[in-house]
Amino acid sequence: YDDQNANKLYQCNLDGSGKVAIDSDGTRVYGMAIDHAENK
C-alpha cells in the first residue's frame, strides 16, 4: 500500500504488522502488479 503522508510505498503482513518501506519516491501510486515467477 502507498501512504502519501509518509511519501512511501509499504509492504506488510495481511494483519498490518511487519511494515517495511519498499519505495520513498513520494509519488501517488495508483497501479501495482506482482510477477510471482520473477518475484517482482
ModelCIF file with pLDDT and N, C-alpha, C, O atoms, coordinates in Angstrom:
data_MODEL
#
_entry.id   MODEL 
#
_entity.id                         1 
_entity.type                       polymer 
_entity.pdbx_number_of_molecules   1 
#
_entity_poly.entity_id                      1 
_entity_poly.type                           'polypeptide(L)' 
_entity_poly.nstd_linkage                   no 
_entity_poly.nstd_monomer                   no 
_entity_poly.pdbx_seq_one_letter_code       YDDQNANKLYQCNLDGSGKVAIDSDGTRVYGMAIDHAENK 
_entity_poly.pdbx_seq_one_letter_code_can   YDDQNANKLYQCNLDGSGKVAIDSDGTRVYGMAIDHAENK 
_entity_poly.pdbx_strand_id                 A 
#
loop_
_entity_poly_seq.entity_id 
_entity_poly_seq.num 
_entity_poly_seq.mon_id 
_entity_poly_seq.hetero 
1 1  TYR n 
1 2  ASP n 
1 3  ASP n 
1 4  GLN n 
1 5  ASN n 
1 6  ALA n 
1 7  ASN n 
1 8  LYS n 
1 9  LEU n 
1 10 TYR n 
1 11 GLN n 
1 12 CYS n 
1 13 ASN n 
1 14 LEU n 
1 15 ASP n 
1 16 GLY n 
1 17 SER n 
1 18 GLY n 
1 19 LYS n 
1 20 VAL n 
1 21 ALA n 
1 22 ILE n 
1 23 ASP n 
1 24 SER n 
1 25 ASP n 
1 26 GLY n 
1 27 THR n 
1 28 ARG n 
1 29 VAL n 
1 30 TYR n 
1 31 GLY n 
1 32 MET n 
1 33 ALA n 
1 34 ILE n 
1 35 ASP n 
1 36 HIS n 
1 37 ALA n 
1 38 GLU n 
1 39 ASN n 
1 40 LYS n 
#
_struct_asym.id          A 
_struct_asym.entity_id   1 
#
loop_
_ma_qa_metric.id 
_ma_qa_metric.mode 
_ma_qa_metric.name 
_ma_qa_metric.software_group_id 
_ma_qa_metric.type 
1 global pLDDT . pLDDT 
2 local  pLDDT . pLDDT 
#
_ma_qa_metric_global.metric_id      1 
_ma_qa_metric_global.metric_value   89.72 
_ma_qa_metric_global.model_id       1 
_ma_qa_metric_global.ordinal_id     1 
#
loop_
_ma_qa_metric_local.label_asym_id 
_ma_qa_metric_local.label_comp_id 
_ma_qa_metric_local.label_seq_id 
_ma_qa_metric_local.metric_id 
_ma_qa_metric_local.metric_value 
_ma_qa_metric_local.model_id 
_ma_qa_metric_local.ordinal_id 
A TYR 1  2 94.00 1 1  
A ASP 2  2 91.00 1 2  
A ASP 3  2 91.00 1 3  
A GLN 4  2 86.00 1 4  
A ASN 5  2 86.00 1 5  
A ALA 6  2 87.00 1 6  
A ASN 7  2 84.00 1 7  
A LYS 8  2 89.00 1 8  
A LEU 9  2 91.00 1 9  
A TYR 10 2 94.00 1 10 
A GLN 11 2 95.00 1 11 
A CYS 12 2 96.00 1 12 
A ASN 13 2 97.00 1 13 
A LEU 14 2 97.00 1 14 
A ASP 15 2 96.00 1 15 
A GLY 16 2 96.00 1 16 
A SER 17 2 97.00 1 17 
A GLY 18 2 95.00 1 18 
A LYS 19 2 93.00 1 19 
A VAL 20 2 91.00 1 20 
A ALA 21 2 90.00 1 21 
A ILE 22 2 87.00 1 22 
A ASP 23 2 81.00 1 23 
A SER 24 2 72.00 1 24 
A ASP 25 2 73.00 1 25 
A GLY 26 2 68.00 1 26 
A THR 27 2 74.00 1 27 
A ARG 28 2 82.00 1 28 
A VAL 29 2 87.00 1 29 
A TYR 30 2 83.00 1 30 
A GLY 31 2 88.00 1 31 
A MET 32 2 94.00 1 32 
A ALA 33 2 95.00 1 33 
A ILE 34 2 96.00 1 34 
A ASP 35 2 96.00 1 35 
A HIS 36 2 95.00 1 36 
A ALA 37 2 95.00 1 37 
A GLU 38 2 95.00 1 38 
A ASN 39 2 96.00 1 39 
A LYS 40 2 96.00 1 40 
#
loop_
_atom_site.group_PDB 
_atom_site.id 
_atom_site.type_symbol 
_atom_site.label_atom_id 
_atom_site.label_alt_id 
_atom_site.label_comp_id 
_atom_site.label_asym_id 
_atom_site.label_entity_id 
_atom_site.label_seq_id 
_atom_site.pdbx_PDB_ins_code 
_atom_site.Cartn_x 
_atom_site.Cartn_y 
_atom_site.Cartn_z 
_atom_site.occupancy 
_atom_site.B_iso_or_equiv 
_atom_site.pdbx_formal_charge 
_atom_site.auth_seq_id 
_atom_site.auth_comp_id 
_atom_site.auth_asym_id 
_atom_site.auth_atom_id 
_atom_site.pdbx_PDB_model_num 
ATOM 1   N N  . TYR A 1 1  ? 0.843  -1.203  0.000   1.00 94.00 ? 1  TYR A N  1 
ATOM 2   C CA . TYR A 1 1  ? 0.000  0.000   0.000   1.00 94.00 ? 1  TYR A CA 1 
ATOM 3   C C  . TYR A 1 1  ? 0.874  1.248   0.000   1.00 94.00 ? 1  TYR A C  1 
ATOM 4   O O  . TYR A 1 1  ? 1.998  1.240   0.501   1.00 94.00 ? 1  TYR A O  1 
ATOM 5   N N  . ASP A 1 2  ? 0.336  2.311   -0.570  1.00 91.00 ? 2  ASP A N  1 
ATOM 6   C CA . ASP A 1 2  ? 1.078  3.571   -0.530  1.00 91.00 ? 2  ASP A CA 1 
ATOM 7   C C  . ASP A 1 2  ? 0.490  4.461   0.547   1.00 91.00 ? 2  ASP A C  1 
ATOM 8   O O  . ASP A 1 2  ? -0.697 4.380   0.862   1.00 91.00 ? 2  ASP A O  1 
ATOM 9   N N  . ASP A 1 3  ? 1.333  5.309   1.103   1.00 91.00 ? 3  ASP A N  1 
ATOM 10  C CA . ASP A 1 3  ? 0.922  6.266   2.131   1.00 91.00 ? 3  ASP A CA 1 
ATOM 11  C C  . ASP A 1 3  ? 1.507  7.619   1.761   1.00 91.00 ? 3  ASP A C  1 
ATOM 12  O O  . ASP A 1 3  ? 2.709  7.849   1.899   1.00 91.00 ? 3  ASP A O  1 
ATOM 13  N N  . GLN A 1 4  ? 0.648  8.508   1.292   1.00 86.00 ? 4  GLN A N  1 
ATOM 14  C CA . GLN A 1 4  ? 1.098  9.831   0.876   1.00 86.00 ? 4  GLN A CA 1 
ATOM 15  C C  . GLN A 1 4  ? 1.569  10.682  2.047   1.00 86.00 ? 4  GLN A C  1 
ATOM 16  O O  . GLN A 1 4  ? 2.382  11.587  1.859   1.00 86.00 ? 4  GLN A O  1 
ATOM 17  N N  . ASN A 1 5  ? 1.075  10.411  3.250   1.00 86.00 ? 5  ASN A N  1 
ATOM 18  C CA . ASN A 1 5  ? 1.548  11.161  4.419   1.00 86.00 ? 5  ASN A CA 1 
ATOM 19  C C  . ASN A 1 5  ? 3.028  10.895  4.679   1.00 86.00 ? 5  ASN A C  1 
ATOM 20  O O  . ASN A 1 5  ? 3.756  11.799  5.087   1.00 86.00 ? 5  ASN A O  1 
ATOM 21  N N  . ALA A 1 6  ? 3.471  9.684   4.449   1.00 87.00 ? 6  ALA A N  1 
ATOM 22  C CA . ALA A 1 6  ? 4.871  9.310   4.650   1.00 87.00 ? 6  ALA A CA 1 
ATOM 23  C C  . ALA A 1 6  ? 5.674  9.331   3.347   1.00 87.00 ? 6  ALA A C  1 
ATOM 24  O O  . ALA A 1 6  ? 6.889  9.138   3.366   1.00 87.00 ? 6  ALA A O  1 
ATOM 25  N N  . ASN A 1 7  ? 4.993  9.566   2.205   1.00 84.00 ? 7  ASN A N  1 
ATOM 26  C CA . ASN A 1 7  ? 5.639  9.537   0.888   1.00 84.00 ? 7  ASN A CA 1 
ATOM 27  C C  . ASN A 1 7  ? 6.350  8.215   0.626   1.00 84.00 ? 7  ASN A C  1 
ATOM 28  O O  . ASN A 1 7  ? 7.482  8.192   0.144   1.00 84.00 ? 7  ASN A O  1 
ATOM 29  N N  . LYS A 1 8  ? 5.663  7.098   0.953   1.00 89.00 ? 8  LYS A N  1 
ATOM 30  C CA . LYS A 1 8  ? 6.283  5.789   0.797   1.00 89.00 ? 8  LYS A CA 1 
ATOM 31  C C  . LYS A 1 8  ? 5.289  4.751   0.293   1.00 89.00 ? 8  LYS A C  1 
ATOM 32  O O  . LYS A 1 8  ? 4.075  4.874   0.461   1.00 89.00 ? 8  LYS A O  1 
ATOM 33  N N  . LEU A 1 9  ? 5.857  3.722   -0.331  1.00 91.00 ? 9  LEU A N  1 
ATOM 34  C CA . LEU A 1 9  ? 5.142  2.502   -0.667  1.00 91.00 ? 9  LEU A CA 1 
ATOM 35  C C  . LEU A 1 9  ? 5.599  1.457   0.342   1.00 91.00 ? 9  LEU A C  1 
ATOM 36  O O  . LEU A 1 9  ? 6.797  1.266   0.551   1.00 91.00 ? 9  LEU A O  1 
ATOM 37  N N  . TYR A 1 10 ? 4.627  0.777   0.972   1.00 94.00 ? 10 TYR A N  1 
ATOM 38  C CA . TYR A 1 10 ? 4.944  -0.189  2.030   1.00 94.00 ? 10 TYR A CA 1 
ATOM 39  C C  . TYR A 1 10 ? 4.504  -1.598  1.666   1.00 94.00 ? 10 TYR A C  1 
ATOM 40  O O  . TYR A 1 10 ? 3.624  -1.812  0.832   1.00 94.00 ? 10 TYR A O  1 
ATOM 41  N N  . GLN A 1 11 ? 5.154  -2.550  2.326   1.00 95.00 ? 11 GLN A N  1 
ATOM 42  C CA . GLN A 1 11 ? 4.735  -3.943  2.347   1.00 95.00 ? 11 GLN A CA 1 
ATOM 43  C C  . GLN A 1 11 ? 4.508  -4.287  3.820   1.00 95.00 ? 11 GLN A C  1 
ATOM 44  O O  . GLN A 1 11 ? 5.263  -3.851  4.688   1.00 95.00 ? 11 GLN A O  1 
ATOM 45  N N  . CYS A 1 12 ? 3.459  -5.074  4.095   1.00 96.00 ? 12 CYS A N  1 
ATOM 46  C CA . CYS A 1 12 ? 3.222  -5.550  5.453   1.00 96.00 ? 12 CYS A CA 1 
ATOM 47  C C  . CYS A 1 12 ? 2.537  -6.911  5.392   1.00 96.00 ? 12 CYS A C  1 
ATOM 48  O O  . CYS A 1 12 ? 2.138  -7.365  4.320   1.00 96.00 ? 12 CYS A O  1 
ATOM 49  N N  . ASN A 1 13 ? 2.407  -7.549  6.534   1.00 97.00 ? 13 ASN A N  1 
ATOM 50  C CA . ASN A 1 13 ? 1.640  -8.786  6.629   1.00 97.00 ? 13 ASN A CA 1 
ATOM 51  C C  . ASN A 1 13 ? 0.161  -8.453  6.472   1.00 97.00 ? 13 ASN A C  1 
ATOM 52  O O  . ASN A 1 13 ? -0.220 -7.290  6.607   1.00 97.00 ? 13 ASN A O  1 
ATOM 53  N N  . LEU A 1 14 ? -0.667 -9.431  6.195   1.00 97.00 ? 14 LEU A N  1 
ATOM 54  C CA . LEU A 1 14 ? -2.091 -9.183  5.971   1.00 97.00 ? 14 LEU A CA 1 
ATOM 55  C C  . LEU A 1 14 ? -2.801 -8.639  7.201   1.00 97.00 ? 14 LEU A C  1 
ATOM 56  O O  . LEU A 1 14 ? -3.890 -8.078  7.081   1.00 97.00 ? 14 LEU A O  1 
ATOM 57  N N  . ASP A 1 15 ? -2.206 -8.793  8.388   1.00 96.00 ? 15 ASP A N  1 
ATOM 58  C CA . ASP A 1 15 ? -2.801 -8.232  9.604   1.00 96.00 ? 15 ASP A CA 1 
ATOM 59  C C  . ASP A 1 15 ? -2.282 -6.828  9.903   1.00 96.00 ? 15 ASP A C  1 
ATOM 60  O O  . ASP A 1 15 ? -2.630 -6.250  10.933  1.00 96.00 ? 15 ASP A O  1 
ATOM 61  N N  . GLY A 1 16 ? -1.457 -6.272  9.018   1.00 96.00 ? 16 GLY A N  1 
ATOM 62  C CA . GLY A 1 16 ? -0.920 -4.923  9.182   1.00 96.00 ? 16 GLY A CA 1 
ATOM 63  C C  . GLY A 1 16 ? 0.411  -4.859  9.905   1.00 96.00 ? 16 GLY A C  1 
ATOM 64  O O  . GLY A 1 16 ? 1.012  -3.788  9.985   1.00 96.00 ? 16 GLY A O  1 
ATOM 65  N N  . SER A 1 17 ? 0.882  -5.959  10.424  1.00 97.00 ? 17 SER A N  1 
ATOM 66  C CA . SER A 1 17 ? 2.159  -5.979  11.143  1.00 97.00 ? 17 SER A CA 1 
ATOM 67  C C  . SER A 1 17 ? 3.324  -6.120  10.170  1.00 97.00 ? 17 SER A C  1 
ATOM 68  O O  . SER A 1 17 ? 3.135  -6.441  8.996   1.00 97.00 ? 17 SER A O  1 
ATOM 69  N N  . GLY A 1 18 ? 4.532  -5.875  10.674  1.00 95.00 ? 18 GLY A N  1 
ATOM 70  C CA . GLY A 1 18 ? 5.741  -6.096  9.877   1.00 95.00 ? 18 GLY A CA 1 
ATOM 71  C C  . GLY A 1 18 ? 5.920  -5.132  8.728   1.00 95.00 ? 18 GLY A C  1 
ATOM 72  O O  . GLY A 1 18 ? 6.390  -5.527  7.661   1.00 95.00 ? 18 GLY A O  1 
ATOM 73  N N  . LYS A 1 19 ? 5.556  -3.873  8.920   1.00 93.00 ? 19 LYS A N  1 
ATOM 74  C CA . LYS A 1 19 ? 5.627  -2.879  7.854   1.00 93.00 ? 19 LYS A CA 1 
ATOM 75  C C  . LYS A 1 19 ? 7.074  -2.608  7.429   1.00 93.00 ? 19 LYS A C  1 
ATOM 76  O O  . LYS A 1 19 ? 7.942  -2.361  8.265   1.00 93.00 ? 19 LYS A O  1 
ATOM 77  N N  . VAL A 1 20 ? 7.318  -2.659  6.105   1.00 91.00 ? 20 VAL A N  1 
ATOM 78  C CA . VAL A 1 20 ? 8.625  -2.392  5.521   1.00 91.00 ? 20 VAL A CA 1 
ATOM 79  C C  . VAL A 1 20 ? 8.441  -1.416  4.367   1.00 91.00 ? 20 VAL A C  1 
ATOM 80  O O  . VAL A 1 20 ? 7.558  -1.616  3.533   1.00 91.00 ? 20 VAL A O  1 
ATOM 81  N N  . ALA A 1 21 ? 9.253  -0.363  4.301   1.00 90.00 ? 21 ALA A N  1 
ATOM 82  C CA . ALA A 1 21 ? 9.194  0.586   3.187   1.00 90.00 ? 21 ALA A CA 1 
ATOM 83  C C  . ALA A 1 21 ? 9.825  -0.036  1.953   1.00 90.00 ? 21 ALA A C  1 
ATOM 84  O O  . ALA A 1 21 ? 10.948 -0.538  2.005   1.00 90.00 ? 21 ALA A O  1 
ATOM 85  N N  . ILE A 1 22 ? 9.097  0.000   0.841   1.00 87.00 ? 22 ILE A N  1 
ATOM 86  C CA . ILE A 1 22 ? 9.579  -0.512  -0.432  1.00 87.00 ? 22 ILE A CA 1 
ATOM 87  C C  . ILE A 1 22 ? 10.174 0.618   -1.268  1.00 87.00 ? 22 ILE A C  1 
ATOM 88  O O  . ILE A 1 22 ? 11.180 0.429   -1.952  1.00 87.00 ? 22 ILE A O  1 
ATOM 89  N N  . ASP A 1 23 ? 9.550  1.788   -1.210  1.00 81.00 ? 23 ASP A N  1 
ATOM 90  C CA . ASP A 1 23 ? 9.993  2.924   -2.010  1.00 81.00 ? 23 ASP A CA 1 
ATOM 91  C C  . ASP A 1 23 ? 9.611  4.207   -1.300  1.00 81.00 ? 23 ASP A C  1 
ATOM 92  O O  . ASP A 1 23 ? 8.596  4.268   -0.605  1.00 81.00 ? 23 ASP A O  1 
ATOM 93  N N  . SER A 1 24 ? 10.428 5.229   -1.478  1.00 72.00 ? 24 SER A N  1 
ATOM 94  C CA . SER A 1 24 ? 10.127 6.526   -0.869  1.00 72.00 ? 24 SER A CA 1 
ATOM 95  C C  . SER A 1 24 ? 10.234 7.638   -1.894  1.00 72.00 ? 24 SER A C  1 
ATOM 96  O O  . SER A 1 24 ? 10.770 8.710   -1.613  1.00 72.00 ? 24 SER A O  1 
ATOM 97  N N  . ASP A 1 25 ? 9.721  7.375   -3.077  1.00 73.00 ? 25 ASP A N  1 
ATOM 98  C CA . ASP A 1 25 ? 9.784  8.347   -4.164  1.00 73.00 ? 25 ASP A CA 1 
ATOM 99  C C  . ASP A 1 25 ? 8.806  9.495   -3.963  1.00 73.00 ? 25 ASP A C  1 
ATOM 100 O O  . ASP A 1 25 ? 8.975  10.558  -4.559  1.00 73.00 ? 25 ASP A O  1 
ATOM 101 N N  . GLY A 1 26 ? 7.778  9.299   -3.126  1.00 68.00 ? 26 GLY A N  1 
ATOM 102 C CA . GLY A 1 26 ? 6.848  10.367  -2.816  1.00 68.00 ? 26 GLY A CA 1 
ATOM 103 C C  . GLY A 1 26 ? 5.783  10.624  -3.856  1.00 68.00 ? 26 GLY A C  1 
ATOM 104 O O  . GLY A 1 26 ? 5.179  11.696  -3.851  1.00 68.00 ? 26 GLY A O  1 
ATOM 105 N N  . THR A 1 27 ? 5.529  9.694   -4.739  1.00 74.00 ? 27 THR A N  1 
ATOM 106 C CA . THR A 1 27 ? 4.517  9.881   -5.762  1.00 74.00 ? 27 THR A CA 1 
ATOM 107 C C  . THR A 1 27 ? 3.270  9.074   -5.431  1.00 74.00 ? 27 THR A C  1 
ATOM 108 O O  . THR A 1 27 ? 3.347  8.077   -4.713  1.00 74.00 ? 27 THR A O  1 
ATOM 109 N N  . ARG A 1 28 ? 2.136  9.494   -5.944  1.00 82.00 ? 28 ARG A N  1 
ATOM 110 C CA . ARG A 1 28 ? 0.914  8.711   -5.754  1.00 82.00 ? 28 ARG A CA 1 
ATOM 111 C C  . ARG A 1 28 ? 1.003  7.423   -6.555  1.00 82.00 ? 28 ARG A C  1 
ATOM 112 O O  . ARG A 1 28 ? 1.270  7.448   -7.756  1.00 82.00 ? 28 ARG A O  1 
ATOM 113 N N  . VAL A 1 29 ? 0.783  6.317   -5.898  1.00 87.00 ? 29 VAL A N  1 
ATOM 114 C CA . VAL A 1 29 ? 0.809  5.006   -6.537  1.00 87.00 ? 29 VAL A CA 1 
ATOM 115 C C  . VAL A 1 29 ? -0.629 4.610   -6.833  1.00 87.00 ? 29 VAL A C  1 
ATOM 116 O O  . VAL A 1 29 ? -1.426 4.423   -5.914  1.00 87.00 ? 29 VAL A O  1 
ATOM 117 N N  . TYR A 1 30 ? -0.962 4.482   -8.102  1.00 83.00 ? 30 TYR A N  1 
ATOM 118 C CA . TYR A 1 30 ? -2.300 4.051   -8.490  1.00 83.00 ? 30 TYR A CA 1 
ATOM 119 C C  . TYR A 1 30 ? -2.301 2.602   -8.920  1.00 83.00 ? 30 TYR A C  1 
ATOM 120 O O  . TYR A 1 30 ? -3.238 1.865   -8.614  1.00 83.00 ? 30 TYR A O  1 
ATOM 121 N N  . GLY A 1 31 ? -1.273 2.185   -9.621  1.00 88.00 ? 31 GLY A N  1 
ATOM 122 C CA . GLY A 1 31 ? -1.237 0.833   -10.152 1.00 88.00 ? 31 GLY A CA 1 
ATOM 123 C C  . GLY A 1 31 ? -0.110 0.016   -9.559  1.00 88.00 ? 31 GLY A C  1 
ATOM 124 O O  . GLY A 1 31 ? 1.006  0.506   -9.388  1.00 88.00 ? 31 GLY A O  1 
ATOM 125 N N  . MET A 1 32 ? -0.413 -1.243  -9.245  1.00 94.00 ? 32 MET A N  1 
ATOM 126 C CA . MET A 1 32 ? 0.590  -2.193  -8.778  1.00 94.00 ? 32 MET A CA 1 
ATOM 127 C C  . MET A 1 32 ? 0.262  -3.552  -9.364  1.00 94.00 ? 32 MET A C  1 
ATOM 128 O O  . MET A 1 32 ? -0.901 -3.876  -9.602  1.00 94.00 ? 32 MET A O  1 
ATOM 129 N N  . ALA A 1 33 ? 1.301  -4.344  -9.594  1.00 95.00 ? 33 ALA A N  1 
ATOM 130 C CA . ALA A 1 33 ? 1.122  -5.710  -10.072 1.00 95.00 ? 33 ALA A CA 1 
ATOM 131 C C  . ALA A 1 33 ? 2.306  -6.540  -9.603  1.00 95.00 ? 33 ALA A C  1 
ATOM 132 O O  . ALA A 1 33 ? 3.403  -6.020  -9.398  1.00 95.00 ? 33 ALA A O  1 
ATOM 133 N N  . ILE A 1 34 ? 2.071  -7.834  -9.436  1.00 96.00 ? 34 ILE A N  1 
ATOM 134 C CA . ILE A 1 34 ? 3.112  -8.741  -8.966  1.00 96.00 ? 34 ILE A CA 1 
ATOM 135 C C  . ILE A 1 34 ? 3.366  -9.808  -10.026 1.00 96.00 ? 34 ILE A C  1 
ATOM 136 O O  . ILE A 1 34 ? 2.436  -10.369 -10.604 1.00 96.00 ? 34 ILE A O  1 
ATOM 137 N N  . ASP A 1 35 ? 4.640  -10.071 -10.264 1.00 96.00 ? 35 ASP A N  1 
ATOM 138 C CA . ASP A 1 35 ? 5.075  -11.175 -11.114 1.00 96.00 ? 35 ASP A CA 1 
ATOM 139 C C  . ASP A 1 35 ? 5.694  -12.212 -10.183 1.00 96.00 ? 35 ASP A C  1 
ATOM 140 O O  . ASP A 1 35 ? 6.860  -12.097 -9.803  1.00 96.00 ? 35 ASP A O  1 
ATOM 141 N N  . HIS A 1 36 ? 4.907  -13.230 -9.816  1.00 95.00 ? 36 HIS A N  1 
ATOM 142 C CA . HIS A 1 36 ? 5.398  -14.238 -8.874  1.00 95.00 ? 36 HIS A CA 1 
ATOM 143 C C  . HIS A 1 36 ? 6.481  -15.126 -9.475  1.00 95.00 ? 36 HIS A C  1 
ATOM 144 O O  . HIS A 1 36 ? 7.332  -15.630 -8.742  1.00 95.00 ? 36 HIS A O  1 
ATOM 145 N N  . ALA A 1 37 ? 6.471  -15.325 -10.774 1.00 95.00 ? 37 ALA A N  1 
ATOM 146 C CA . ALA A 1 37 ? 7.501  -16.148 -11.409 1.00 95.00 ? 37 ALA A CA 1 
ATOM 147 C C  . ALA A 1 37 ? 8.885  -15.507 -11.251 1.00 95.00 ? 37 ALA A C  1 
ATOM 148 O O  . ALA A 1 37 ? 9.888  -16.203 -11.098 1.00 95.00 ? 37 ALA A O  1 
ATOM 149 N N  . GLU A 1 38 ? 8.923  -14.176 -11.289 1.00 95.00 ? 38 GLU A N  1 
ATOM 150 C CA . GLU A 1 38 ? 10.188 -13.444 -11.157 1.00 95.00 ? 38 GLU A CA 1 
ATOM 151 C C  . GLU A 1 38 ? 10.371 -12.840 -9.765  1.00 95.00 ? 38 GLU A C  1 
ATOM 152 O O  . GLU A 1 38 ? 11.413 -12.250 -9.482  1.00 95.00 ? 38 GLU A O  1 
ATOM 153 N N  . ASN A 1 39 ? 9.349  -12.984 -8.876  1.00 96.00 ? 39 ASN A N  1 
ATOM 154 C CA . ASN A 1 39 ? 9.386  -12.399 -7.526  1.00 96.00 ? 39 ASN A CA 1 
ATOM 155 C C  . ASN A 1 39 ? 9.621  -10.890 -7.569  1.00 96.00 ? 39 ASN A C  1 
ATOM 156 O O  . ASN A 1 39 ? 10.487 -10.359 -6.874  1.00 96.00 ? 39 ASN A O  1 
ATOM 157 N N  . LYS A 1 40 ? 8.822  -10.207 -8.408  1.00 96.00 ? 40 LYS A N  1 
ATOM 158 C CA . LYS A 1 40 ? 8.942  -8.762  -8.586  1.00 96.00 ? 40 LYS A CA 1 
ATOM 159 C C  . LYS A 1 40 ? 7.599  -8.085  -8.359  1.00 96.00 ? 40 LYS A C  1 
ATOM 160 O O  . LYS A 1 40 ? 7.498  -6.863  -8.465  1.00 96.00 ? 40 LYS A O  1 
#
